[in-house]
Amino acid sequence: MNVKAYDRSKAKRFLLGGSDRQGLIGQTAAYVLLIGIGFVFLYPLLFMISTSFKSLDDLLDSAVNWIPSHFYLDNYRRALEVLDYFPVLMQTALVTLLPSIIQTFMAAVIGFGFARFRFRGRNILLLLVLFTFLIPPQVTVIPRYILFNELGILDTLAAYIYPAFFGQGINAAIFILIFYQTFRQMPDALEEAAQLDGAGHPTIFFRIAIPMAASAFIVSFLFSLVWYWNETYLASIYFGESLTTLPLQLQKFTATYQAMFASASSASGGTNINEGIELAGTLLTILPLLVIYFVAQRWFVESMDRSGIAGE
């Protein structure tokens, strides 16, 4: 009986686990759940990649599902031409990188001020700053457009630079909150010791605070970069025809393609735009962000854990 009871206990522990380990059933359920969630997120990307390499014959052939009969690269050739890819990529990098860098630095300065200085009305001002995160940009776009028009900065990159410099860039409030939480955890003794050595607040900020907030800088910069990259509503209003980005080019992809290739295709018996060409253009648009993520994902995940976003 003791042997049977021991075997049952061992089997139960193997299946259900214990306080020090997870059982087989729990591990299986966790892996199934994670695989299911991963598939939901990866399916659109895998479908996009597969379809972008399909020729028109593969798209019309119901027997061809995931793997094309051959890798058809003409979709990408036409998408590169329609998007005017490399010149527009340089403009997109300028429109996203410069405001993201400025916004990240200014959010750090503002967050440091709220965290390390005591002054009357600080909590009210911080609340008002965070309240701006709840206001949709569509609500303030008309007053901002009028203001930018009076300042003469419409159709220029300054329409992004000025708000970023004054802590009012795209979703800037969330970055200010990240830095506020980060700098508030800085030990008072460290700041007091620096002041005893003759360091002023600028020195403390650049020599002590910034190195301690490296994770917050990485998270804020990457999120800011993605949000500026994907922004099309404000970019179409502020920039007009003077500047463009890949997402803006993608919005008018079909119209541009038809203007460039429709007449030539009909004259030569070719084909008009199809799903493969459209998804090739979409993949080219998000490709730089995917490259950035795959390169920086280890630092990004670690920084999210350290910056307090994960609930620490």
C-alpha atoms as a PDB file:
ATOM      1  CA  MET A   1       0.000   0.000   0.000  1.00  0.00           C
ATOM      2  CA  ASN A   2       2.811   2.368   0.829  1.00  0.00           C
ATOM      3  CA  VAL A   3       4.405   1.702  -2.549  1.00  0.00           C
ATOM      4  CA  LYS A   4       1.110   2.311  -4.346  1.00  0.00           C
ATOM      5  CA  ALA A   5       0.481   5.485  -2.386  1.00  0.00           C
ATOM      6  CA  TYR A   6       4.003   6.668  -3.188  1.00  0.00           C
ATOM      7  CA  ASP A   7       3.501   5.935  -6.899  1.00  0.00           C
ATOM      8  CA  ARG A   8       0.178   7.808  -6.905  1.00  0.00           C
ATOM      9  CA  SER A   9       1.759  10.765  -5.151  1.00  0.00           C
ATOM     10  CA  LYS A  10       4.657  10.779  -7.589  1.00  0.00           C
ATOM     11  CA  ALA A  11       2.307  10.590 -10.583  1.00  0.00           C
ATOM     12  CA  LYS A  12       0.138  13.371  -9.137  1.00  0.00           C
ATOM     13  CA  ARG A  13       3.195  15.541  -8.586  1.00  0.00           C
ATOM     14  CA  PHE A  14       4.380  14.843 -12.141  1.00  0.00           C
ATOM     15  CA  LEU A  15       1.020  15.794 -13.651  1.00  0.00           C
ATOM     16  CA  LEU A  16      -0.089  18.610 -11.349  1.00  0.00           C
ATOM     17  CA  GLY A  17       3.250  19.798  -9.977  1.00  0.00           C
ATOM     18  CA  GLY A  18       3.988  21.162  -6.552  1.00  0.00           C
ATOM     19  CA  SER A  19       5.120  24.273  -4.757  1.00  0.00           C
ATOM     20  CA  ASP A  20       8.594  24.116  -6.323  1.00  0.00           C
ATOM     21  CA  ARG A  21       7.730  23.088  -9.877  1.00  0.00           C
ATOM     22  CA  GLN A  22       4.972  23.147 -12.469  1.00  0.00           C
ATOM     23  CA  GLY A  23       3.321  19.918 -13.506  1.00  0.00           C
ATOM     24  CA  LEU A  24       3.002  18.495 -16.992  1.00  0.00           C
ATOM     25  CA  ILE A  25      -0.619  19.621 -17.339  1.00  0.00           C
ATOM     26  CA  GLY A  26       0.212  23.194 -16.341  1.00  0.00           C
ATOM     27  CA  GLN A  27       3.221  23.341 -18.648  1.00  0.00           C
ATOM     28  CA  THR A  28       1.213  21.952 -21.569  1.00  0.00           C
ATOM     29  CA  ALA A  29      -1.600  24.445 -21.005  1.00  0.00           C
ATOM     30  CA  ALA A  30       0.880  27.324 -20.777  1.00  0.00           C
ATOM     31  CA  TYR A  31       2.672  26.330 -23.989  1.00  0.00           C
ATOM     32  CA  VAL A  32      -0.603  25.835 -25.868  1.00  0.00           C
ATOM     33  CA  LEU A  33      -1.797  29.270 -24.729  1.00  0.00           C
ATOM     34  CA  LEU A  34       1.489  30.959 -25.672  1.00  0.00           C
ATOM     35  CA  ILE A  35       1.602  29.242 -29.065  1.00  0.00           C
ATOM     36  CA  GLY A  36      -2.003  30.268 -29.719  1.00  0.00           C
ATOM     37  CA  ILE A  37      -1.325  33.905 -28.790  1.00  0.00           C
ATOM     38  CA  GLY A  38       1.875  33.894 -30.836  1.00  0.00           C
ATOM     39  CA  PHE A  39       0.043  32.515 -33.859  1.00  0.00           C
ATOM     40  CA  VAL A  40      -2.620  35.228 -33.620  1.00  0.00           C
ATOM     41  CA  PHE A  41       0.078  37.909 -33.739  1.00  0.00           C
ATOM     42  CA  LEU A  42       2.305  36.207 -36.311  1.00  0.00           C
ATOM     43  CA  TYR A  43      -0.413  35.057 -38.740  1.00  0.00           C
ATOM     44  CA  PRO A  44      -0.910  38.474 -40.432  1.00  0.00           C
ATOM     45  CA  LEU A  45       2.842  38.911 -40.857  1.00  0.00           C
ATOM     46  CA  LEU A  46       3.335  35.390 -42.237  1.00  0.00           C
ATOM     47  CA  PHE A  47       0.377  35.827 -44.592  1.00  0.00           C
ATOM     48  CA  MET A  48       1.789  39.160 -45.748  1.00  0.00           C
ATOM     49  CA  ILE A  49       5.219  37.678 -46.454  1.00  0.00           C
ATOM     50  CA  SER A  50       3.805  34.666 -48.276  1.00  0.00           C
ATOM     51  CA  THR A  51       1.380  36.650 -50.427  1.00  0.00           C
ATOM     52  CA  SER A  52       3.925  39.322 -51.329  1.00  0.00           C
ATOM     53  CA  PHE A  53       6.037  36.696 -53.148  1.00  0.00           C
ATOM     54  CA  LYS A  54       3.125  35.302 -55.177  1.00  0.00           C
ATOM     55  CA  SER A  55       2.624  36.011 -58.842  1.00  0.00           C
ATOM     56  CA  LEU A  56      -0.827  36.657 -60.263  1.00  0.00           C
ATOM     57  CA  ASP A  57      -1.073  33.010 -61.331  1.00  0.00           C
ATOM     58  CA  ASP A  58      -0.393  31.883 -57.744  1.00  0.00           C
ATOM     59  CA  LEU A  59      -2.980  34.318 -56.393  1.00  0.00           C
ATOM     60  CA  LEU A  60      -5.613  32.934 -58.768  1.00  0.00           C
ATOM     61  CA  ASP A  61      -4.644  29.303 -58.148  1.00  0.00           C
ATOM     62  CA  SER A  62      -6.583  27.959 -55.158  1.00  0.00           C
ATOM     63  CA  ALA A  63      -4.106  25.084 -54.824  1.00  0.00           C
ATOM     64  CA  VAL A  64      -1.323  27.539 -53.853  1.00  0.00           C
ATOM     65  CA  ASN A  65      -1.812  28.464 -50.210  1.00  0.00           C
ATOM     66  CA  TRP A  66       1.224  29.390 -48.133  1.00  0.00           C
ATOM     67  CA  ILE A  67       4.225  28.512 -50.295  1.00  0.00           C
ATOM     68  CA  PRO A  68       4.388  30.207 -53.734  1.00  0.00           C
ATOM     69  CA  SER A  69       5.241  28.082 -56.749  1.00  0.00           C
ATOM     70  CA  HIS A  70       8.259  30.361 -57.161  1.00  0.00           C
ATOM     71  CA  PHE A  71       9.430  33.532 -55.444  1.00  0.00           C
ATOM     72  CA  TYR A  72       8.077  36.346 -57.589  1.00  0.00           C
ATOM     73  CA  LEU A  73      10.194  39.449 -56.934  1.00  0.00           C
ATOM     74  CA  ASP A  74       8.475  41.740 -59.434  1.00  0.00           C
ATOM     75  CA  ASN A  75       5.948  42.688 -56.727  1.00  0.00           C
ATOM     76  CA  TYR A  76       8.750  44.265 -54.714  1.00  0.00           C
ATOM     77  CA  ARG A  77      10.258  45.955 -57.756  1.00  0.00           C
ATOM     78  CA  ARG A  78       6.984  47.702 -58.493  1.00  0.00           C
ATOM     79  CA  ALA A  79       6.333  48.485 -54.827  1.00  0.00           C
ATOM     80  CA  LEU A  80       9.779  50.096 -54.499  1.00  0.00           C
ATOM     81  CA  GLU A  81       9.045  52.223 -57.528  1.00  0.00           C
ATOM     82  CA  VAL A  82       5.571  53.256 -56.389  1.00  0.00           C
ATOM     83  CA  LEU A  83       6.727  54.151 -52.886  1.00  0.00           C
ATOM     84  CA  ASP A  84       9.814  55.952 -54.247  1.00  0.00           C
ATOM     85  CA  TYR A  85      11.246  53.912 -51.437  1.00  0.00           C
ATOM     86  CA  PHE A  86      14.789  55.033 -50.638  1.00  0.00           C
ATOM     87  CA  PRO A  87      14.295  58.823 -50.936  1.00  0.00           C
ATOM     88  CA  VAL A  88      11.081  58.585 -48.919  1.00  0.00           C
ATOM     89  CA  LEU A  89      12.819  56.317 -46.396  1.00  0.00           C
ATOM     90  CA  MET A  90      15.383  59.062 -45.788  1.00  0.00           C
ATOM     91  CA  GLN A  91      12.607  61.605 -45.253  1.00  0.00           C
ATOM     92  CA  THR A  92      10.798  59.218 -42.909  1.00  0.00           C
ATOM     93  CA  ALA A  93      13.971  58.674 -40.892  1.00  0.00           C
ATOM     94  CA  LEU A  94      14.430  62.443 -40.584  1.00  0.00           C
ATOM     95  CA  VAL A  95      10.793  63.013 -39.603  1.00  0.00           C
ATOM     96  CA  THR A  96      10.902  60.295 -36.941  1.00  0.00           C
ATOM     97  CA  LEU A  97      14.445  60.227 -35.552  1.00  0.00           C
ATOM     98  CA  LEU A  98      14.975  63.922 -34.864  1.00  0.00           C
ATOM     99  CA  PRO A  99      11.641  64.552 -33.054  1.00  0.00           C
ATOM    100  CA  SER A 100      12.036  61.279 -31.135  1.00  0.00           C
ATOM    101  CA  ILE A 101      15.490  62.251 -29.862  1.00  0.00           C
ATOM    102  CA  ILE A 102      14.345  65.739 -28.871  1.00  0.00           C
ATOM    103  CA  GLN A 103      11.155  64.468 -27.257  1.00  0.00           C
ATOM    104  CA  THR A 104      12.993  61.818 -25.245  1.00  0.00           C
ATOM    105  CA  PHE A 105      15.526  64.320 -23.907  1.00  0.00           C
ATOM    106  CA  MET A 106      12.928  66.979 -23.067  1.00  0.00           C
ATOM    107  CA  ALA A 107      10.690  64.398 -21.369  1.00  0.00           C
ATOM    108  CA  ALA A 108      13.698  63.455 -19.228  1.00  0.00           C
ATOM    109  CA  VAL A 109      14.287  67.106 -18.287  1.00  0.00           C
ATOM    110  CA  ILE A 110      10.620  67.639 -17.386  1.00  0.00           C
ATOM    111  CA  GLY A 111      10.402  64.341 -15.500  1.00  0.00           C
ATOM    112  CA  PHE A 112      13.558  65.226 -13.564  1.00  0.00           C
ATOM    113  CA  GLY A 113      12.085  68.588 -12.621  1.00  0.00           C
ATOM    114  CA  PHE A 114       8.856  67.079 -11.331  1.00  0.00           C
ATOM    115  CA  ALA A 115      10.672  64.320  -9.457  1.00  0.00           C
ATOM    116  CA  ARG A 116      13.528  66.201  -7.798  1.00  0.00           C
ATOM    117  CA  PHE A 117      12.183  69.733  -7.225  1.00  0.00           C
ATOM    118  CA  ARG A 118       9.587  70.784  -4.659  1.00  0.00           C
ATOM    119  CA  PHE A 119       7.462  73.779  -5.599  1.00  0.00           C
ATOM    120  CA  ARG A 120       3.917  74.974  -5.105  1.00  0.00           C
ATOM    121  CA  GLY A 121       1.420  73.511  -7.550  1.00  0.00           C
ATOM    122  CA  ARG A 122       3.735  70.707  -8.661  1.00  0.00           C
ATOM    123  CA  ASN A 123       1.110  67.979  -8.357  1.00  0.00           C
ATOM    124  CA  ILE A 124      -1.476  70.056 -10.220  1.00  0.00           C
ATOM    125  CA  LEU A 125       0.951  70.750 -13.062  1.00  0.00           C
ATOM    126  CA  LEU A 126       1.901  67.075 -13.248  1.00  0.00           C
ATOM    127  CA  LEU A 127      -1.771  66.138 -13.375  1.00  0.00           C
ATOM    128  CA  LEU A 128      -2.383  68.622 -16.193  1.00  0.00           C
ATOM    129  CA  VAL A 129       0.578  67.224 -18.134  1.00  0.00           C
ATOM    130  CA  LEU A 130      -0.732  63.680 -17.779  1.00  0.00           C
ATOM    131  CA  PHE A 131      -4.225  64.851 -18.686  1.00  0.00           C
ATOM    132  CA  THR A 132      -2.949  65.803 -22.141  1.00  0.00           C
ATOM    133  CA  PHE A 133      -2.386  62.104 -22.807  1.00  0.00           C
ATOM    134  CA  LEU A 134      -6.149  61.538 -22.568  1.00  0.00           C
ATOM    135  CA  ILE A 135      -7.009  64.240 -25.111  1.00  0.00           C
ATOM    136  CA  PRO A 136      -7.168  62.910 -28.705  1.00  0.00           C
ATOM    137  CA  PRO A 137      -4.958  64.861 -31.118  1.00  0.00           C
ATOM    138  CA  GLN A 138      -8.004  65.472 -33.327  1.00  0.00           C
ATOM    139  CA  VAL A 139      -9.379  67.784 -30.623  1.00  0.00           C
ATOM    140  CA  THR A 140      -6.385  70.130 -30.665  1.00  0.00           C
ATOM    141  CA  VAL A 141      -5.384  69.874 -34.315  1.00  0.00           C
ATOM    142  CA  ILE A 142      -7.322  72.984 -35.426  1.00  0.00           C
ATOM    143  CA  PRO A 143      -5.884  75.339 -32.749  1.00  0.00           C
ATOM    144  CA  ARG A 144      -2.411  73.935 -33.384  1.00  0.00           C
ATOM    145  CA  TYR A 145      -2.798  74.317 -37.138  1.00  0.00           C
ATOM    146  CA  ILE A 146      -3.771  77.974 -36.712  1.00  0.00           C
ATOM    147  CA  LEU A 147      -0.865  78.558 -34.307  1.00  0.00           C
ATOM    148  CA  PHE A 148       1.659  76.836 -36.572  1.00  0.00           C
ATOM    149  CA  ASN A 149       0.353  78.799 -39.549  1.00  0.00           C
ATOM    150  CA  GLU A 150       0.858  82.077 -37.674  1.00  0.00           C
ATOM    151  CA  LEU A 151       4.360  80.975 -36.691  1.00  0.00           C
ATOM    152  CA  GLY A 152       5.098  80.029 -40.289  1.00  0.00           C
ATOM    153  CA  ILE A 153       6.239  76.475 -39.511  1.00  0.00           C
ATOM    154  CA  LEU A 154       3.661  74.527 -41.518  1.00  0.00           C
ATOM    155  CA  ASP A 155       5.062  72.348 -44.306  1.00  0.00           C
ATOM    156  CA  THR A 156       8.349  72.108 -42.400  1.00  0.00           C
ATOM    157  CA  LEU A 157       9.863  69.693 -39.904  1.00  0.00           C
ATOM    158  CA  ALA A 158       9.530  72.417 -37.265  1.00  0.00           C
ATOM    159  CA  ALA A 159       5.859  71.444 -36.918  1.00  0.00           C
ATOM    160  CA  TYR A 160       7.131  68.303 -35.190  1.00  0.00           C
ATOM    161  CA  ILE A 161      10.237  69.813 -33.580  1.00  0.00           C
ATOM    162  CA  TYR A 162       8.573  72.644 -31.647  1.00  0.00           C
ATOM    163  CA  PRO A 163       5.987  70.481 -29.803  1.00  0.00           C
ATOM    164  CA  ALA A 164       8.669  67.878 -29.036  1.00  0.00           C
ATOM    165  CA  PHE A 165      10.990  70.559 -27.644  1.00  0.00           C
ATOM    166  CA  PHE A 166       8.288  71.888 -25.319  1.00  0.00           C
ATOM    167  CA  GLY A 167       7.231  68.441 -24.113  1.00  0.00           C
ATOM    168  CA  GLN A 168       4.084  68.267 -26.218  1.00  0.00           C
ATOM    169  CA  GLY A 169       5.081  65.772 -28.869  1.00  0.00           C
ATOM    170  CA  ILE A 170       3.148  62.638 -29.752  1.00  0.00           C
ATOM    171  CA  ASN A 171       2.123  60.945 -26.486  1.00  0.00           C
ATOM    172  CA  ALA A 172       4.819  62.906 -24.645  1.00  0.00           C
ATOM    173  CA  ALA A 173       2.938  62.710 -21.337  1.00  0.00           C
ATOM    174  CA  ILE A 174       3.558  58.970 -20.994  1.00  0.00           C
ATOM    175  CA  PHE A 175       7.307  59.520 -21.389  1.00  0.00           C
ATOM    176  CA  ILE A 176       7.288  62.293 -18.799  1.00  0.00           C
ATOM    177  CA  LEU A 177       5.571  59.882 -16.419  1.00  0.00           C
ATOM    178  CA  ILE A 178       8.200  57.196 -17.104  1.00  0.00           C
ATOM    179  CA  PHE A 179      11.051  59.581 -16.300  1.00  0.00           C
ATOM    180  CA  TYR A 180       9.192  60.985 -13.302  1.00  0.00           C
ATOM    181  CA  GLN A 181       8.861  57.510 -11.807  1.00  0.00           C
ATOM    182  CA  THR A 182      12.501  56.705 -12.650  1.00  0.00           C
ATOM    183  CA  PHE A 183      14.026  59.852 -11.166  1.00  0.00           C
ATOM    184  CA  ARG A 184      11.796  59.732  -8.107  1.00  0.00           C
ATOM    185  CA  GLN A 185      13.504  56.450  -7.163  1.00  0.00           C
ATOM    186  CA  MET A 186      16.938  58.099  -7.198  1.00  0.00           C
ATOM    187  CA  PRO A 187      18.289  58.122  -3.613  1.00  0.00           C
ATOM    188  CA  ASP A 188      18.254  61.520  -1.928  1.00  0.00           C
ATOM    189  CA  ALA A 189      21.587  60.708  -0.300  1.00  0.00           C
ATOM    190  CA  LEU A 190      23.219  60.434  -3.726  1.00  0.00           C
ATOM    191  CA  GLU A 191      21.967  63.854  -4.757  1.00  0.00           C
ATOM    192  CA  GLU A 192      22.963  65.395  -1.413  1.00  0.00           C
ATOM    193  CA  ALA A 193      26.461  63.929  -1.665  1.00  0.00           C
ATOM    194  CA  ALA A 194      26.857  65.421  -5.140  1.00  0.00           C
ATOM    195  CA  GLN A 195      25.708  68.822  -3.870  1.00  0.00           C
ATOM    196  CA  LEU A 196      28.252  68.653  -1.039  1.00  0.00           C
ATOM    197  CA  ASP A 197      30.940  68.093  -3.664  1.00  0.00           C
ATOM    198  CA  GLY A 198      29.830  71.298  -5.383  1.00  0.00           C
ATOM    199  CA  ALA A 199      27.677  69.785  -8.146  1.00  0.00           C
ATOM    200  CA  GLY A 200      24.725  71.838  -9.346  1.00  0.00           C
ATOM    201  CA  HIS A 201      21.457  70.523 -10.695  1.00  0.00           C
ATOM    202  CA  PRO A 202      22.655  70.388 -14.336  1.00  0.00           C
ATOM    203  CA  THR A 203      25.697  68.368 -13.279  1.00  0.00           C
ATOM    204  CA  ILE A 204      23.545  66.015 -11.210  1.00  0.00           C
ATOM    205  CA  PHE A 205      21.204  65.557 -14.157  1.00  0.00           C
ATOM    206  CA  PHE A 206      23.899  64.824 -16.753  1.00  0.00           C
ATOM    207  CA  ARG A 207      26.407  62.968 -14.580  1.00  0.00           C
ATOM    208  CA  ILE A 208      24.124  60.994 -12.242  1.00  0.00           C
ATOM    209  CA  ALA A 209      20.480  60.998 -13.343  1.00  0.00           C
ATOM    210  CA  ILE A 210      20.941  60.209 -17.031  1.00  0.00           C
ATOM    211  CA  PRO A 211      23.220  57.153 -16.489  1.00  0.00           C
ATOM    212  CA  MET A 212      20.756  55.814 -13.907  1.00  0.00           C
ATOM    213  CA  ALA A 213      17.833  56.249 -16.345  1.00  0.00           C
ATOM    214  CA  ALA A 214      19.339  54.449 -19.339  1.00  0.00           C
ATOM    215  CA  SER A 215      16.468  51.954 -19.449  1.00  0.00           C
ATOM    216  CA  ALA A 216      13.879  54.761 -19.433  1.00  0.00           C
ATOM    217  CA  PHE A 217      15.703  56.458 -22.310  1.00  0.00           C
ATOM    218  CA  ILE A 218      15.663  53.275 -24.408  1.00  0.00           C
ATOM    219  CA  VAL A 219      11.957  52.612 -23.814  1.00  0.00           C
ATOM    220  CA  SER A 220      10.936  56.228 -24.407  1.00  0.00           C
ATOM    221  CA  PHE A 221      13.008  56.581 -27.562  1.00  0.00           C
ATOM    222  CA  LEU A 222      11.785  53.342 -29.147  1.00  0.00           C
ATOM    223  CA  PHE A 223       8.126  54.010 -28.357  1.00  0.00           C
ATOM    224  CA  SER A 224       8.464  57.588 -29.588  1.00  0.00           C
ATOM    225  CA  LEU A 225      10.147  56.384 -32.759  1.00  0.00           C
ATOM    226  CA  VAL A 226       7.342  53.935 -33.528  1.00  0.00           C
ATOM    227  CA  TRP A 227       4.594  56.481 -32.830  1.00  0.00           C
ATOM    228  CA  TYR A 228       6.196  59.159 -34.988  1.00  0.00           C
ATOM    229  CA  TRP A 229       6.798  56.607 -37.744  1.00  0.00           C
ATOM    230  CA  ASN A 230       3.176  55.424 -37.791  1.00  0.00           C
ATOM    231  CA  GLU A 231       1.620  58.884 -37.465  1.00  0.00           C
ATOM    232  CA  THR A 232      -0.230  59.789 -40.661  1.00  0.00           C
ATOM    233  CA  TYR A 233      -3.063  62.066 -39.511  1.00  0.00           C
ATOM    234  CA  LEU A 234      -0.903  64.874 -38.133  1.00  0.00           C
ATOM    235  CA  ALA A 235       1.803  64.382 -40.767  1.00  0.00           C
ATOM    236  CA  SER A 236      -0.662  64.813 -43.632  1.00  0.00           C
ATOM    237  CA  ILE A 237      -1.981  68.054 -42.074  1.00  0.00           C
ATOM    238  CA  TYR A 238       1.298  69.636 -40.979  1.00  0.00           C
ATOM    239  CA  PHE A 239       3.579  68.658 -43.867  1.00  0.00           C
ATOM    240  CA  GLY A 240       1.328  68.891 -46.904  1.00  0.00           C
ATOM    241  CA  GLU A 241       3.328  68.105 -50.032  1.00  0.00           C
ATOM    242  CA  SER A 242       6.688  69.342 -48.738  1.00  0.00           C
ATOM    243  CA  LEU A 243       7.507  66.239 -46.697  1.00  0.00           C
ATOM    244  CA  THR A 244       6.226  62.708 -46.858  1.00  0.00           C
ATOM    245  CA  THR A 245       6.706  59.404 -45.048  1.00  0.00           C
ATOM    246  CA  LEU A 246       6.388  55.767 -45.994  1.00  0.00           C
ATOM    247  CA  PRO A 247       3.019  55.353 -44.189  1.00  0.00           C
ATOM    248  CA  LEU A 248       1.709  58.396 -46.087  1.00  0.00           C
ATOM    249  CA  GLN A 249       2.943  56.919 -49.348  1.00  0.00           C
ATOM    250  CA  LEU A 250       1.266  53.647 -48.460  1.00  0.00           C
ATOM    251  CA  GLN A 251      -2.073  55.416 -47.966  1.00  0.00           C
ATOM    252  CA  LYS A 252      -2.088  56.519 -51.601  1.00  0.00           C
ATOM    253  CA  PHE A 253      -0.352  53.388 -52.874  1.00  0.00           C
ATOM    254  CA  THR A 254      -3.221  52.211 -55.092  1.00  0.00           C
ATOM    255  CA  ALA A 255      -3.791  55.614 -56.677  1.00  0.00           C
ATOM    256  CA  THR A 256      -0.069  56.080 -57.322  1.00  0.00           C
ATOM    257  CA  TYR A 257       0.253  52.607 -58.830  1.00  0.00           C
ATOM    258  CA  GLN A 258      -2.664  53.146 -61.167  1.00  0.00           C
ATOM    259  CA  ALA A 259      -1.247  56.481 -62.271  1.00  0.00           C
ATOM    260  CA  MET A 260       2.149  54.895 -62.975  1.00  0.00           C
ATOM    261  CA  PHE A 261       1.296  51.476 -64.395  1.00  0.00           C
ATOM    262  CA  ALA A 262      -2.395  51.196 -65.328  1.00  0.00           C
ATOM    263  CA  SER A 263      -2.116  52.651 -68.822  1.00  0.00           C
ATOM    264  CA  ALA A 264       1.074  50.735 -69.583  1.00  0.00           C
ATOM    265  CA  SER A 265      -0.445  47.501 -68.271  1.00  0.00           C
ATOM    266  CA  SER A 266      -3.595  47.789 -70.349  1.00  0.00           C
ATOM    267  CA  ALA A 267      -1.578  48.661 -73.482  1.00  0.00           C
ATOM    268  CA  SER A 268       0.800  45.745 -73.046  1.00  0.00           C
ATOM    269  CA  GLY A 269      -1.786  43.262 -71.856  1.00  0.00           C
ATOM    270  CA  GLY A 270      -0.328  43.275 -68.360  1.00  0.00           C
ATOM    271  CA  THR A 271      -2.134  43.240 -65.039  1.00  0.00           C
ATOM    272  CA  ASN A 272      -3.316  45.971 -62.733  1.00  0.00           C
ATOM    273  CA  ILE A 273      -2.523  46.132 -59.048  1.00  0.00           C
ATOM    274  CA  ASN A 274      -3.152  42.968 -57.067  1.00  0.00           C
ATOM    275  CA  GLU A 275      -2.928  41.758 -53.487  1.00  0.00           C
ATOM    276  CA  GLY A 276       0.674  40.640 -53.838  1.00  0.00           C
ATOM    277  CA  ILE A 277       1.869  44.097 -54.879  1.00  0.00           C
ATOM    278  CA  GLU A 278      -0.127  45.815 -52.128  1.00  0.00           C
ATOM    279  CA  LEU A 279       1.259  43.532 -49.419  1.00  0.00           C
ATOM    280  CA  ALA A 280       4.785  43.930 -50.778  1.00  0.00           C
ATOM    281  CA  GLY A 281       4.386  47.684 -50.322  1.00  0.00           C
ATOM    282  CA  THR A 282       3.005  47.178 -46.818  1.00  0.00           C
ATOM    283  CA  LEU A 283       5.896  44.907 -45.843  1.00  0.00           C
ATOM    284  CA  LEU A 284       8.446  47.382 -47.180  1.00  0.00           C
ATOM    285  CA  THR A 285       6.810  50.111 -45.096  1.00  0.00           C
ATOM    286  CA  ILE A 286       7.065  48.227 -41.804  1.00  0.00           C
ATOM    287  CA  LEU A 287      10.390  46.521 -42.594  1.00  0.00           C
ATOM    288  CA  PRO A 288      12.606  49.202 -40.947  1.00  0.00           C
ATOM    289  CA  LEU A 289      10.615  48.918 -37.710  1.00  0.00           C
ATOM    290  CA  LEU A 290      10.917  45.122 -37.787  1.00  0.00           C
ATOM    291  CA  VAL A 291      14.685  45.418 -38.254  1.00  0.00           C
ATOM    292  CA  ILE A 292      14.935  47.859 -35.347  1.00  0.00           C
ATOM    293  CA  TYR A 293      12.893  45.532 -33.145  1.00  0.00           C
ATOM    294  CA  PHE A 294      14.933  42.427 -33.952  1.00  0.00           C
ATOM    295  CA  VAL A 295      18.177  44.312 -33.326  1.00  0.00           C
ATOM    296  CA  ALA A 296      17.085  46.032 -30.112  1.00  0.00           C
ATOM    297  CA  GLN A 297      14.516  43.626 -28.683  1.00  0.00           C
ATOM    298  CA  ARG A 298      16.802  42.314 -25.936  1.00  0.00           C
ATOM    299  CA  TRP A 299      17.574  45.816 -24.631  1.00  0.00           C
ATOM    300  CA  PHE A 300      13.961  46.822 -25.159  1.00  0.00           C
ATOM    301  CA  VAL A 301      12.551  44.012 -23.023  1.00  0.00           C
ATOM    302  CA  GLU A 302      15.140  44.543 -20.290  1.00  0.00           C
ATOM    303  CA  SER A 303      14.468  48.286 -20.288  1.00  0.00           C
ATOM    304  CA  MET A 304      10.718  47.797 -19.986  1.00  0.00           C
ATOM    305  CA  ASP A 305      11.302  45.639 -16.905  1.00  0.00           C
ATOM    306  CA  ARG A 306      13.579  48.228 -15.296  1.00  0.00           C
ATOM    307  CA  SER A 307      11.616  51.362 -16.209  1.00  0.00           C
ATOM    308  CA  GLY A 308       8.507  50.448 -14.238  1.00  0.00           C
ATOM    309  CA  ILE A 309       6.201  49.746 -17.189  1.00  0.00           C
ATOM    310  CA  ALA A 310       6.057  46.099 -16.179  1.00  0.00           C
ATOM    311  CA  GLY A 311       4.552  47.040 -12.834  1.00  0.00           C
ATOM    312  CA  GLU A 312       7.684  47.266 -10.685  1.00  0.00           C
END
